[in-house]
Every structure is written in structure tokens, then in C-alpha cells.
Amino acid sequence: MSDLEAMEDSFIGALKKAADAAGTQVASQWAPVLEKMQAGGTLSGAKAATTAEQFVQQMHTAMRDSRAAGLKAAQTLAESYAALVSGVLIGMSDALTQGGAAKPKAGKK
């Protein structure tokens, strides 16, 4: 489980780095255009970055929560199945034990 979480952390970290790198590249390419439009200092870019960061964090949390819920459901199902099988085997064992004790007596000839 810890290996899976470490892999998820690496994946999310790579996504964040890629998003930052893409943001830097786009910003450098669009800087002259934004300066001419005098929109370079607006808050919309920062707000979009914050929203994207929150979305990635929510996605990461949702992945972990759903995996934990799935693992718990699988464990509960396995425990229920084990109880069912145990009950069937106990019932079969009892039936065989009672059947062996109540053997029909051979009639006299």
C-alpha cells in the first residue's frame, strides 16, 4: 500500500512540475502580447493556477479515498465469503458425522 501511495505522490509531483513548466513556457511566449494589452498584472492567471492546484489536490485525495474504500469493501467481502464457506463446511462435517453414527443395522437372515 505504501508503494502505491509513493507512486501516486511521484505521479502528482510530475504533473505539478509539468504544469509549472508549461506555465513558464506559455508565460514567456505570451509576455509581449500581454504587455501590449496591459493584462500582465491581472489576478486571473494567479486565480487559475490556484484553482488548478486545488483541483489536483482534490483529485489526489479522491484517488486515495476511493482506493481505501475499495480495499475495505474487498476485505469485508472476503471475510463474509470465509464465514459462508466455514459454515457450509461445518454443516457438511456435522451431516457426515451424524450419518456415520446412524448407520442402518443389518437385518438378520
N, C-alpha and C. Protein backbone atom coordinates (compact mmCIF):
# COMPACT_ATOMS: atom_id res chain seq x y z
N MET A 1 0.82 -1.19 0.00
CA MET A 1 0.00 0.00 0.00
C MET A 1 0.87 1.26 0.00
N SER A 2 1.94 1.22 0.78
CA SER A 2 2.82 2.40 0.83
C SER A 2 3.53 2.62 -0.50
N ASP A 3 3.85 1.52 -1.20
CA ASP A 3 4.47 1.66 -2.52
C ASP A 3 3.51 2.33 -3.50
N LEU A 4 2.24 1.98 -3.43
CA LEU A 4 1.24 2.58 -4.30
C LEU A 4 1.07 4.06 -4.00
N GLU A 5 1.07 4.42 -2.72
CA GLU A 5 0.96 5.82 -2.35
C GLU A 5 2.19 6.61 -2.79
N ALA A 6 3.37 5.99 -2.69
CA ALA A 6 4.60 6.66 -3.15
C ALA A 6 4.55 6.88 -4.65
N MET A 7 4.03 5.89 -5.38
CA MET A 7 3.91 6.04 -6.83
C MET A 7 2.92 7.16 -7.18
N GLU A 8 1.80 7.24 -6.44
CA GLU A 8 0.84 8.31 -6.67
C GLU A 8 1.48 9.67 -6.39
N ASP A 9 2.24 9.76 -5.30
CA ASP A 9 2.91 11.03 -4.98
C ASP A 9 3.87 11.44 -6.08
N SER A 10 4.61 10.47 -6.62
CA SER A 10 5.53 10.76 -7.72
C SER A 10 4.76 11.24 -8.96
N PHE A 11 3.63 10.58 -9.24
CA PHE A 11 2.82 10.95 -10.40
C PHE A 11 2.27 12.36 -10.25
N ILE A 12 1.72 12.66 -9.08
CA ILE A 12 1.17 14.00 -8.84
C ILE A 12 2.28 15.05 -8.89
N GLY A 13 3.44 14.72 -8.34
CA GLY A 13 4.58 15.65 -8.40
C GLY A 13 5.01 15.92 -9.84
N ALA A 14 5.03 14.87 -10.66
CA ALA A 14 5.39 15.04 -12.07
C ALA A 14 4.37 15.92 -12.79
N LEU A 15 3.08 15.72 -12.47
CA LEU A 15 2.05 16.56 -13.09
C LEU A 15 2.22 18.02 -12.69
N LYS A 16 2.53 18.26 -11.42
CA LYS A 16 2.72 19.63 -10.96
C LYS A 16 3.91 20.28 -11.66
N LYS A 17 5.02 19.52 -11.78
CA LYS A 17 6.21 20.06 -12.46
C LYS A 17 5.91 20.35 -13.93
N ALA A 18 5.19 19.45 -14.57
CA ALA A 18 4.84 19.67 -15.98
C ALA A 18 3.95 20.89 -16.14
N ALA A 19 3.00 21.05 -15.23
CA ALA A 19 2.12 22.22 -15.29
C ALA A 19 2.90 23.51 -15.06
N ASP A 20 3.83 23.48 -14.10
CA ASP A 20 4.66 24.67 -13.85
C ASP A 20 5.53 25.00 -15.05
N ALA A 21 6.13 23.97 -15.64
CA ALA A 21 6.99 24.19 -16.81
C ALA A 21 6.18 24.72 -17.98
N ALA A 22 5.00 24.16 -18.17
CA ALA A 22 4.15 24.64 -19.26
C ALA A 22 3.72 26.08 -19.00
N GLY A 23 3.41 26.39 -17.74
CA GLY A 23 3.02 27.75 -17.40
C GLY A 23 4.14 28.74 -17.66
N THR A 24 5.37 28.35 -17.34
CA THR A 24 6.52 29.22 -17.57
C THR A 24 6.75 29.44 -19.06
N GLN A 25 6.63 28.35 -19.83
CA GLN A 25 6.85 28.45 -21.27
C GLN A 25 5.77 29.32 -21.92
N VAL A 26 4.54 29.10 -21.54
CA VAL A 26 3.44 29.89 -22.10
C VAL A 26 3.58 31.35 -21.69
N ALA A 27 3.95 31.57 -20.44
CA ALA A 27 4.10 32.95 -19.96
C ALA A 27 5.19 33.67 -20.74
N SER A 28 6.30 32.99 -21.02
CA SER A 28 7.38 33.65 -21.75
C SER A 28 6.99 33.95 -23.20
N GLN A 29 6.18 33.06 -23.78
CA GLN A 29 5.77 33.28 -25.16
C GLN A 29 4.70 34.36 -25.28
N TRP A 30 3.83 34.47 -24.29
CA TRP A 30 2.74 35.42 -24.34
C TRP A 30 3.06 36.74 -23.64
N ALA A 31 4.22 36.84 -23.01
CA ALA A 31 4.57 38.07 -22.28
C ALA A 31 4.48 39.33 -23.13
N PRO A 32 5.05 39.34 -24.36
CA PRO A 32 4.94 40.57 -25.16
C PRO A 32 3.50 40.94 -25.49
N VAL A 33 2.69 39.96 -25.77
CA VAL A 33 1.29 40.23 -26.10
C VAL A 33 0.56 40.79 -24.89
N LEU A 34 0.81 40.17 -23.73
CA LEU A 34 0.15 40.64 -22.51
C LEU A 34 0.60 42.04 -22.12
N GLU A 35 1.86 42.34 -22.36
CA GLU A 35 2.35 43.69 -22.03
C GLU A 35 1.66 44.73 -22.91
N LYS A 36 1.48 44.40 -24.18
CA LYS A 36 0.82 45.35 -25.07
C LYS A 36 -0.65 45.52 -24.71
N MET A 37 -1.25 44.48 -24.19
CA MET A 37 -2.66 44.56 -23.80
C MET A 37 -2.81 45.06 -22.37
N GLN A 38 -1.69 45.24 -21.67
CA GLN A 38 -1.66 45.67 -20.28
C GLN A 38 -2.49 44.74 -19.39
N ALA A 39 -2.38 43.42 -19.68
CA ALA A 39 -3.10 42.45 -18.87
C ALA A 39 -2.13 41.56 -18.11
N GLY A 40 -0.88 41.92 -18.13
CA GLY A 40 0.13 41.07 -17.50
C GLY A 40 0.03 41.02 -15.99
N GLY A 41 -0.53 42.03 -15.37
CA GLY A 41 -0.57 42.06 -13.92
C GLY A 41 -1.92 41.69 -13.33
N THR A 42 -2.78 41.09 -14.13
CA THR A 42 -4.11 40.76 -13.61
C THR A 42 -4.04 39.58 -12.66
N LEU A 43 -5.07 39.45 -11.91
CA LEU A 43 -5.18 38.38 -10.91
C LEU A 43 -5.73 37.09 -11.51
N SER A 44 -6.22 37.14 -12.73
CA SER A 44 -6.87 35.96 -13.30
C SER A 44 -5.90 34.79 -13.47
N GLY A 45 -4.66 35.05 -13.86
CA GLY A 45 -3.67 33.98 -14.02
C GLY A 45 -3.36 33.29 -12.69
N ALA A 46 -3.19 34.09 -11.66
CA ALA A 46 -2.91 33.52 -10.33
C ALA A 46 -4.10 32.74 -9.82
N LYS A 47 -5.29 33.25 -10.08
CA LYS A 47 -6.50 32.56 -9.63
C LYS A 47 -6.66 31.24 -10.37
N ALA A 48 -6.36 31.23 -11.67
CA ALA A 48 -6.44 29.99 -12.45
C ALA A 48 -5.43 28.97 -11.95
N ALA A 49 -4.23 29.41 -11.62
CA ALA A 49 -3.21 28.50 -11.10
C ALA A 49 -3.63 27.92 -9.75
N THR A 50 -4.20 28.75 -8.91
CA THR A 50 -4.67 28.28 -7.60
C THR A 50 -5.80 27.27 -7.77
N THR A 51 -6.71 27.55 -8.68
CA THR A 51 -7.82 26.64 -8.94
C THR A 51 -7.31 25.31 -9.46
N ALA A 52 -6.35 25.34 -10.37
CA ALA A 52 -5.78 24.11 -10.91
C ALA A 52 -5.07 23.31 -9.81
N GLU A 53 -4.36 23.99 -8.94
CA GLU A 53 -3.68 23.33 -7.81
C GLU A 53 -4.68 22.67 -6.88
N GLN A 54 -5.77 23.37 -6.59
CA GLN A 54 -6.81 22.80 -5.74
C GLN A 54 -7.45 21.58 -6.39
N PHE A 55 -7.67 21.65 -7.70
CA PHE A 55 -8.26 20.53 -8.42
C PHE A 55 -7.35 19.30 -8.36
N VAL A 56 -6.06 19.50 -8.57
CA VAL A 56 -5.11 18.38 -8.49
C VAL A 56 -5.10 17.79 -7.09
N GLN A 57 -5.13 18.63 -6.08
CA GLN A 57 -5.14 18.14 -4.70
C GLN A 57 -6.41 17.36 -4.39
N GLN A 58 -7.55 17.85 -4.86
CA GLN A 58 -8.82 17.14 -4.66
C GLN A 58 -8.82 15.81 -5.39
N MET A 59 -8.26 15.78 -6.60
CA MET A 59 -8.18 14.54 -7.36
C MET A 59 -7.31 13.52 -6.61
N HIS A 60 -6.21 13.98 -6.07
CA HIS A 60 -5.29 13.11 -5.33
C HIS A 60 -5.98 12.54 -4.09
N THR A 61 -6.68 13.38 -3.37
CA THR A 61 -7.41 12.93 -2.18
C THR A 61 -8.51 11.95 -2.55
N ALA A 62 -9.23 12.23 -3.63
CA ALA A 62 -10.30 11.34 -4.07
C ALA A 62 -9.76 9.98 -4.49
N MET A 63 -8.60 9.96 -5.14
CA MET A 63 -7.99 8.68 -5.53
C MET A 63 -7.65 7.85 -4.30
N ARG A 64 -7.05 8.47 -3.32
CA ARG A 64 -6.69 7.74 -2.09
C ARG A 64 -7.92 7.26 -1.33
N ASP A 65 -8.93 8.11 -1.24
CA ASP A 65 -10.14 7.73 -0.53
C ASP A 65 -10.86 6.59 -1.22
N SER A 66 -10.94 6.65 -2.55
CA SER A 66 -11.64 5.58 -3.28
C SER A 66 -10.86 4.27 -3.19
N ARG A 67 -9.55 4.34 -3.21
CA ARG A 67 -8.75 3.11 -3.08
C ARG A 67 -8.94 2.51 -1.68
N ALA A 68 -8.95 3.35 -0.66
CA ALA A 68 -9.15 2.84 0.70
C ALA A 68 -10.54 2.23 0.85
N ALA A 69 -11.56 2.86 0.27
CA ALA A 69 -12.92 2.31 0.33
C ALA A 69 -13.01 0.98 -0.42
N GLY A 70 -12.35 0.91 -1.57
CA GLY A 70 -12.35 -0.34 -2.33
C GLY A 70 -11.65 -1.46 -1.58
N LEU A 71 -10.56 -1.16 -0.94
CA LEU A 71 -9.83 -2.15 -0.16
C LEU A 71 -10.67 -2.63 1.02
N LYS A 72 -11.36 -1.70 1.68
CA LYS A 72 -12.22 -2.08 2.81
C LYS A 72 -13.37 -2.95 2.34
N ALA A 73 -13.97 -2.63 1.19
CA ALA A 73 -15.07 -3.42 0.66
C ALA A 73 -14.59 -4.82 0.29
N ALA A 74 -13.41 -4.90 -0.32
CA ALA A 74 -12.86 -6.22 -0.69
C ALA A 74 -12.57 -7.05 0.56
N GLN A 75 -12.06 -6.43 1.59
CA GLN A 75 -11.77 -7.14 2.84
C GLN A 75 -13.06 -7.64 3.48
N THR A 76 -14.09 -6.81 3.50
CA THR A 76 -15.38 -7.22 4.06
C THR A 76 -15.98 -8.37 3.27
N LEU A 77 -15.89 -8.29 1.96
CA LEU A 77 -16.40 -9.36 1.11
C LEU A 77 -15.65 -10.66 1.35
N ALA A 78 -14.34 -10.58 1.47
CA ALA A 78 -13.54 -11.78 1.72
C ALA A 78 -13.88 -12.39 3.08
N GLU A 79 -14.08 -11.56 4.09
CA GLU A 79 -14.45 -12.07 5.42
C GLU A 79 -15.83 -12.73 5.39
N SER A 80 -16.76 -12.14 4.68
CA SER A 80 -18.10 -12.72 4.57
C SER A 80 -18.06 -14.05 3.82
N TYR A 81 -17.28 -14.11 2.76
CA TYR A 81 -17.15 -15.34 2.00
C TYR A 81 -16.50 -16.43 2.85
N ALA A 82 -15.49 -16.07 3.64
CA ALA A 82 -14.84 -17.04 4.52
C ALA A 82 -15.82 -17.58 5.56
N ALA A 83 -16.66 -16.71 6.11
CA ALA A 83 -17.66 -17.15 7.08
C ALA A 83 -18.67 -18.09 6.44
N LEU A 84 -19.09 -17.77 5.21
CA LEU A 84 -20.03 -18.62 4.49
C LEU A 84 -19.44 -20.00 4.23
N VAL A 85 -18.22 -20.03 3.72
CA VAL A 85 -17.57 -21.31 3.43
C VAL A 85 -17.36 -22.10 4.71
N SER A 86 -16.96 -21.44 5.76
CA SER A 86 -16.77 -22.12 7.04
C SER A 86 -18.07 -22.75 7.52
N GLY A 87 -19.17 -22.01 7.41
CA GLY A 87 -20.47 -22.54 7.82
C GLY A 87 -20.89 -23.74 7.00
N VAL A 88 -20.66 -23.69 5.69
CA VAL A 88 -21.00 -24.82 4.82
C VAL A 88 -20.17 -26.04 5.18
N LEU A 89 -18.89 -25.84 5.40
CA LEU A 89 -18.03 -26.98 5.75
C LEU A 89 -18.39 -27.57 7.11
N ILE A 90 -18.73 -26.73 8.07
CA ILE A 90 -19.16 -27.22 9.38
C ILE A 90 -20.45 -28.03 9.23
N GLY A 91 -21.38 -27.51 8.43
CA GLY A 91 -22.63 -28.22 8.19
C GLY A 91 -22.40 -29.57 7.52
N MET A 92 -21.52 -29.62 6.54
CA MET A 92 -21.21 -30.88 5.86
C MET A 92 -20.55 -31.86 6.82
N SER A 93 -19.65 -31.36 7.65
CA SER A 93 -18.96 -32.21 8.62
C SER A 93 -19.96 -32.80 9.62
N ASP A 94 -20.89 -31.97 10.10
CA ASP A 94 -21.91 -32.45 11.03
C ASP A 94 -22.80 -33.50 10.37
N ALA A 95 -23.16 -33.25 9.12
CA ALA A 95 -24.02 -34.20 8.41
C ALA A 95 -23.30 -35.54 8.23
N LEU A 96 -22.03 -35.50 7.90
CA LEU A 96 -21.27 -36.73 7.73
C LEU A 96 -21.10 -37.46 9.06
N THR A 97 -20.88 -36.70 10.13
CA THR A 97 -20.73 -37.31 11.45
C THR A 97 -22.04 -37.96 11.88
N GLN A 98 -23.14 -37.31 11.71
CA GLN A 98 -24.45 -37.86 12.09
C GLN A 98 -24.81 -39.03 11.18
N GLY A 99 -24.48 -38.96 9.94
CA GLY A 99 -24.76 -40.05 9.00
C GLY A 99 -23.96 -41.29 9.35
N GLY A 100 -22.74 -41.14 9.81
CA GLY A 100 -21.90 -42.27 10.18
C GLY A 100 -22.38 -42.92 11.48
N ALA A 101 -22.93 -42.13 12.38
CA ALA A 101 -23.41 -42.66 13.66
C ALA A 101 -24.75 -43.37 13.50
N ALA A 102 -25.51 -42.99 12.52
CA ALA A 102 -26.84 -43.58 12.35
C ALA A 102 -26.85 -44.55 11.18
N LYS A 103 -25.83 -45.39 11.13
CA LYS A 103 -25.77 -46.39 10.05
C LYS A 103 -26.93 -47.36 10.23
N PRO A 104 -27.57 -47.74 9.17
CA PRO A 104 -28.67 -48.69 9.28
C PRO A 104 -28.13 -50.06 9.72
N LYS A 105 -28.88 -50.70 10.62
CA LYS A 105 -28.46 -52.01 11.13
C LYS A 105 -28.80 -53.06 10.09
N ALA A 106 -27.89 -53.98 9.97
CA ALA A 106 -28.12 -55.07 9.01
C ALA A 106 -29.16 -56.01 9.60
N GLY A 107 -30.12 -56.39 8.78
CA GLY A 107 -31.19 -57.27 9.24
C GLY A 107 -30.71 -58.72 9.35
N LYS A 108 -31.32 -59.49 10.25
CA LYS A 108 -30.94 -60.89 10.45
C LYS A 108 -31.61 -61.74 9.37
N LYS A 109 -30.88 -62.74 8.88
CA LYS A 109 -31.44 -63.64 7.89
C LYS A 109 -31.71 -64.97 8.42
